[in-house]
Amino acid sequence: MNTRVTGGTSEGGVVVGNTFDKYGSRNPVVRYLMSGFTQSLEGFIRQAAPESINEIGCGEGHWVIRCQDMGYRVRGCDYSGTAIELARQNAAGHGIDPSCFAVKSIYELDPQQEAADLLMCCEVLEHLEQPELALQKLRQIPARHYILSVPREPLWCALNLVRGKYLGALGNTPGHLQHWSKAGFVRAVSAHFDVLAVASPLPWTMLLCRPKADR
């Protein structure tokens, strides 16, 4: 599924969206990596067995559109108006109602308005100056399950260096402010959620969670 992307533009000093259409790439290495990510995420979605999904930080809408095609009731939001405009265009191109997308900051979400069976927040937290606050906000949104993912460090930066990217930043992708190892991310998320399963599609850490039992 090809989608239009922001190309790594910045908005309010924040790099938003995707620098290239990684899901539509013909590069065999990129295709291999994204296949692993897709298999892990779809596996967690099936395990969660939701009727409704809300993706926080949906970017240009790839997963909202994909999940709609899979038969789920899905909506998404993103901080970036640029990304959401592209998401709406991408949705219209796939025959999906563009109104399922909204411009919202993760820090200002209304818990009751965002409630869903499954909450997804993938490749978002590494971009945030206050990831701890974002996790607190996500925890306040009623859901049966949550799926969270971030790049796995230092592997992510190392792979960028191997392919000759972002050498001056020691392999750090533009806009990545936070860097977690797998153990570090599990520890950070476990302060707010019960972690049910951990997947490690190269080079990410992906967690399937539920609300803490003591909430």
Protein backbone atom coordinates (compact mmCIF):
# COMPACT_ATOMS: atom_id res chain seq x y z
CA MET A 1 0.00 0.00 0.00
CA ASN A 2 1.61 3.26 -1.14
CA THR A 3 0.89 6.42 0.83
CA ARG A 4 2.03 10.02 0.53
CA VAL A 5 4.43 11.04 3.31
CA THR A 6 5.71 14.30 4.75
CA GLY A 7 9.29 13.66 3.66
CA GLY A 8 10.67 14.54 7.09
CA THR A 9 9.43 18.11 7.24
CA SER A 10 9.35 19.89 10.60
CA GLU A 11 6.41 21.58 12.30
CA GLY A 12 6.94 23.82 15.29
CA GLY A 13 10.53 22.64 15.43
CA VAL A 14 9.44 18.98 15.54
CA VAL A 15 10.21 16.51 12.74
CA VAL A 16 6.85 15.00 11.74
CA GLY A 17 5.70 12.03 9.70
CA ASN A 18 7.98 9.78 7.68
CA THR A 19 11.02 10.81 5.67
CA PHE A 20 10.09 8.28 2.95
CA ASP A 21 7.37 5.72 2.22
CA LYS A 22 9.05 2.84 4.05
CA TYR A 23 6.00 0.60 3.63
CA GLY A 24 5.99 1.11 -0.13
CA SER A 25 9.79 0.92 -0.59
CA ARG A 26 11.23 -1.42 -3.20
CA ASN A 27 14.56 -1.65 -1.39
CA PRO A 28 14.90 -5.33 -0.35
CA VAL A 29 16.44 -4.52 3.03
CA VAL A 30 13.71 -2.00 3.87
CA ARG A 31 11.07 -4.45 2.70
CA TYR A 32 12.53 -7.17 4.93
CA LEU A 33 12.61 -4.91 7.99
CA MET A 34 9.10 -3.55 7.45
CA SER A 35 7.78 -7.07 6.89
CA GLY A 36 9.01 -8.02 10.36
CA PHE A 37 7.43 -4.92 11.90
CA THR A 38 4.14 -5.58 10.09
CA GLN A 39 4.00 -9.24 11.13
CA SER A 40 4.64 -8.37 14.78
CA LEU A 41 2.09 -5.56 14.87
CA GLU A 42 -0.61 -7.53 13.09
CA GLY A 43 0.07 -10.47 15.41
CA PHE A 44 -0.46 -8.26 18.46
CA ILE A 45 -3.62 -6.77 16.94
CA ARG A 46 -5.05 -10.25 16.40
CA GLN A 47 -4.09 -11.21 19.96
CA ALA A 48 -5.87 -8.13 21.32
CA ALA A 49 -8.96 -9.01 19.22
CA PRO A 50 -10.43 -5.47 19.25
CA GLU A 51 -13.54 -4.14 17.58
CA SER A 52 -12.33 -0.54 17.77
CA ILE A 53 -8.78 0.84 17.41
CA ASN A 54 -7.44 4.33 18.04
CA GLU A 55 -3.94 5.12 16.80
CA ILE A 56 -2.24 7.97 18.65
CA GLY A 57 0.46 9.53 16.47
CA CYS A 58 -0.87 8.03 13.26
CA GLY A 59 1.30 10.12 10.93
CA GLU A 60 0.16 9.85 7.33
CA GLY A 61 -2.39 7.16 8.20
CA HIS A 62 -0.80 3.94 6.96
CA TRP A 63 -1.95 1.77 9.85
CA VAL A 64 -5.37 3.35 10.22
CA ILE A 65 -6.01 2.58 6.55
CA ARG A 66 -4.52 -0.91 6.80
CA CYS A 67 -6.59 -1.77 9.87
CA GLN A 68 -9.75 -0.46 8.19
CA ASP A 69 -8.97 -2.80 5.28
CA MET A 70 -8.60 -5.64 7.83
CA GLY A 71 -12.16 -5.01 9.00
CA TYR A 72 -11.57 -3.06 12.21
CA ARG A 73 -13.26 0.19 13.20
CA VAL A 74 -10.32 2.61 13.37
CA ARG A 75 -9.53 6.26 13.87
CA GLY A 76 -6.30 8.16 14.37
CA CYS A 77 -4.82 11.45 15.48
CA ASP A 78 -1.49 13.23 15.22
CA TYR A 79 0.15 16.42 16.46
CA SER A 80 0.99 17.41 12.89
CA GLY A 81 -1.58 19.13 10.73
CA THR A 82 0.63 18.40 7.71
CA ALA A 83 0.64 14.67 8.44
CA ILE A 84 -3.11 14.59 9.07
CA GLU A 85 -3.84 16.38 5.80
CA LEU A 86 -1.81 13.72 3.99
CA ALA A 87 -3.58 11.00 6.01
CA ARG A 88 -6.93 12.32 4.85
CA GLN A 89 -5.75 12.39 1.25
CA ASN A 90 -4.39 8.86 1.56
CA ALA A 91 -7.65 7.67 3.14
CA ALA A 92 -9.75 9.23 0.37
CA GLY A 93 -7.55 7.47 -2.18
CA HIS A 94 -8.44 4.15 -0.53
CA GLY A 95 -12.15 4.86 -0.29
CA ILE A 96 -12.03 5.54 3.47
CA ASP A 97 -13.80 8.43 5.19
CA PRO A 98 -11.11 11.08 5.86
CA SER A 99 -12.99 12.29 8.93
CA CYS A 100 -11.53 9.39 10.93
CA PHE A 101 -8.37 11.52 11.31
CA ALA A 102 -7.94 14.47 13.69
CA VAL A 103 -5.18 16.89 14.69
CA LYS A 104 -4.47 16.37 18.41
CA SER A 105 -1.45 16.52 20.70
CA ILE A 106 -0.75 13.42 22.77
CA TYR A 107 -0.36 15.69 25.79
CA GLU A 108 -3.87 17.15 25.43
CA LEU A 109 -6.01 14.09 24.71
CA ASP A 110 -9.42 13.80 26.34
CA PRO A 111 -9.46 10.28 27.84
CA GLN A 112 -13.15 9.58 27.29
CA GLN A 113 -13.15 10.86 23.70
CA GLU A 114 -10.18 8.66 22.80
CA ALA A 115 -11.40 5.43 24.42
CA ALA A 116 -11.18 2.28 22.26
CA ASP A 117 -10.72 -1.46 22.66
CA LEU A 118 -7.12 -1.13 21.45
CA LEU A 119 -4.88 1.92 21.65
CA MET A 120 -1.81 1.96 19.38
CA CYS A 121 1.13 4.34 19.73
CA CYS A 122 3.94 3.16 17.47
CA GLU A 123 7.16 5.04 16.65
CA VAL A 124 5.98 8.12 18.54
CA LEU A 125 7.52 8.19 22.01
CA GLU A 126 11.09 8.55 20.72
CA HIS A 127 10.10 11.91 19.20
CA LEU A 128 8.79 13.41 22.44
CA GLU A 129 10.50 15.68 24.92
CA GLN A 130 8.27 14.33 27.71
CA PRO A 131 7.71 10.60 27.06
CA GLU A 132 6.90 9.95 30.73
CA LEU A 133 4.04 12.46 30.57
CA ALA A 134 2.87 10.90 27.29
CA LEU A 135 2.74 7.45 28.91
CA GLN A 136 0.72 8.91 31.77
CA LYS A 137 -1.72 10.42 29.26
CA LEU A 138 -2.04 7.13 27.37
CA ARG A 139 -2.68 5.26 30.62
CA GLN A 140 -5.64 7.56 31.34
CA ILE A 141 -7.39 6.56 28.11
CA PRO A 142 -9.74 3.59 28.67
CA ALA A 143 -8.73 0.57 26.58
CA ARG A 144 -8.48 -3.19 27.00
CA HIS A 145 -5.08 -3.34 25.30
CA TYR A 146 -2.28 -1.01 24.21
CA ILE A 147 0.46 -1.54 21.62
CA LEU A 148 3.58 0.60 21.96
CA SER A 149 6.76 0.51 19.88
CA VAL A 150 10.05 2.41 19.63
CA PRO A 151 13.38 1.92 17.83
CA ARG A 152 15.68 -0.49 19.67
CA GLU A 153 18.90 1.23 20.69
CA PRO A 154 21.81 1.25 20.19
CA LEU A 155 21.00 -1.09 17.29
CA TRP A 156 18.94 1.53 15.43
CA CYS A 157 21.77 4.09 15.35
CA ALA A 158 24.34 1.41 14.53
CA LEU A 159 22.34 0.26 11.51
CA ASN A 160 22.06 3.84 10.30
CA LEU A 161 25.84 4.18 10.53
CA VAL A 162 26.35 0.93 8.63
CA ARG A 163 24.27 2.27 5.76
CA GLY A 164 26.08 5.62 5.86
CA LYS A 165 23.18 7.69 7.21
CA TYR A 166 23.28 10.54 9.74
CA LEU A 167 27.01 10.14 10.31
CA GLY A 168 27.36 13.57 11.92
CA ALA A 169 24.69 12.61 14.47
CA LEU A 170 26.31 9.19 15.14
CA GLY A 171 23.45 7.48 13.34
CA ASN A 172 20.62 9.20 15.18
CA THR A 173 17.59 9.73 12.97
CA PRO A 174 16.45 13.38 12.80
CA GLY A 175 13.76 14.00 15.38
CA HIS A 176 14.66 11.09 17.67
CA LEU A 177 15.04 12.61 21.13
CA GLN A 178 14.74 9.46 23.26
CA HIS A 179 16.75 6.24 23.04
CA TRP A 180 15.70 3.00 24.76
CA SER A 181 17.20 -0.46 24.86
CA LYS A 182 14.64 -3.28 24.90
CA ALA A 183 15.04 -3.71 28.66
CA GLY A 184 14.91 0.03 29.23
CA PHE A 185 11.69 0.43 27.26
CA VAL A 186 10.01 -2.49 29.02
CA ARG A 187 11.01 -0.95 32.35
CA ALA A 188 9.68 2.50 31.40
CA VAL A 189 6.34 1.14 30.14
CA SER A 190 5.93 -1.27 33.07
CA ALA A 191 5.64 1.71 35.40
CA HIS A 192 2.29 2.46 33.75
CA PHE A 193 1.03 -0.78 32.15
CA ASP A 194 1.17 -4.54 32.58
CA VAL A 195 3.31 -5.84 29.71
CA LEU A 196 1.76 -9.00 28.26
CA ALA A 197 4.15 -9.70 25.40
CA VAL A 198 7.38 -8.32 23.93
CA ALA A 199 8.32 -8.54 20.24
CA SER A 200 11.66 -7.58 18.73
CA PRO A 201 11.22 -7.08 14.99
CA LEU A 202 14.59 -5.80 13.79
CA PRO A 203 15.30 -3.00 14.81
CA TRP A 204 12.32 -2.18 17.08
CA THR A 205 10.91 -3.07 20.47
CA MET A 206 7.14 -3.63 20.46
CA LEU A 207 4.98 -4.25 23.51
CA LEU A 208 1.44 -5.53 23.97
CA CYS A 209 0.07 -4.17 27.24
CA ARG A 210 -3.06 -3.93 29.33
CA PRO A 211 -4.09 -1.54 32.10
CA LYS A 212 -2.31 -2.19 35.38
CA ALA A 213 -4.30 -4.45 37.65
CA ASP A 214 -4.09 -1.91 40.48
CA ARG A 215 -5.71 0.93 38.50
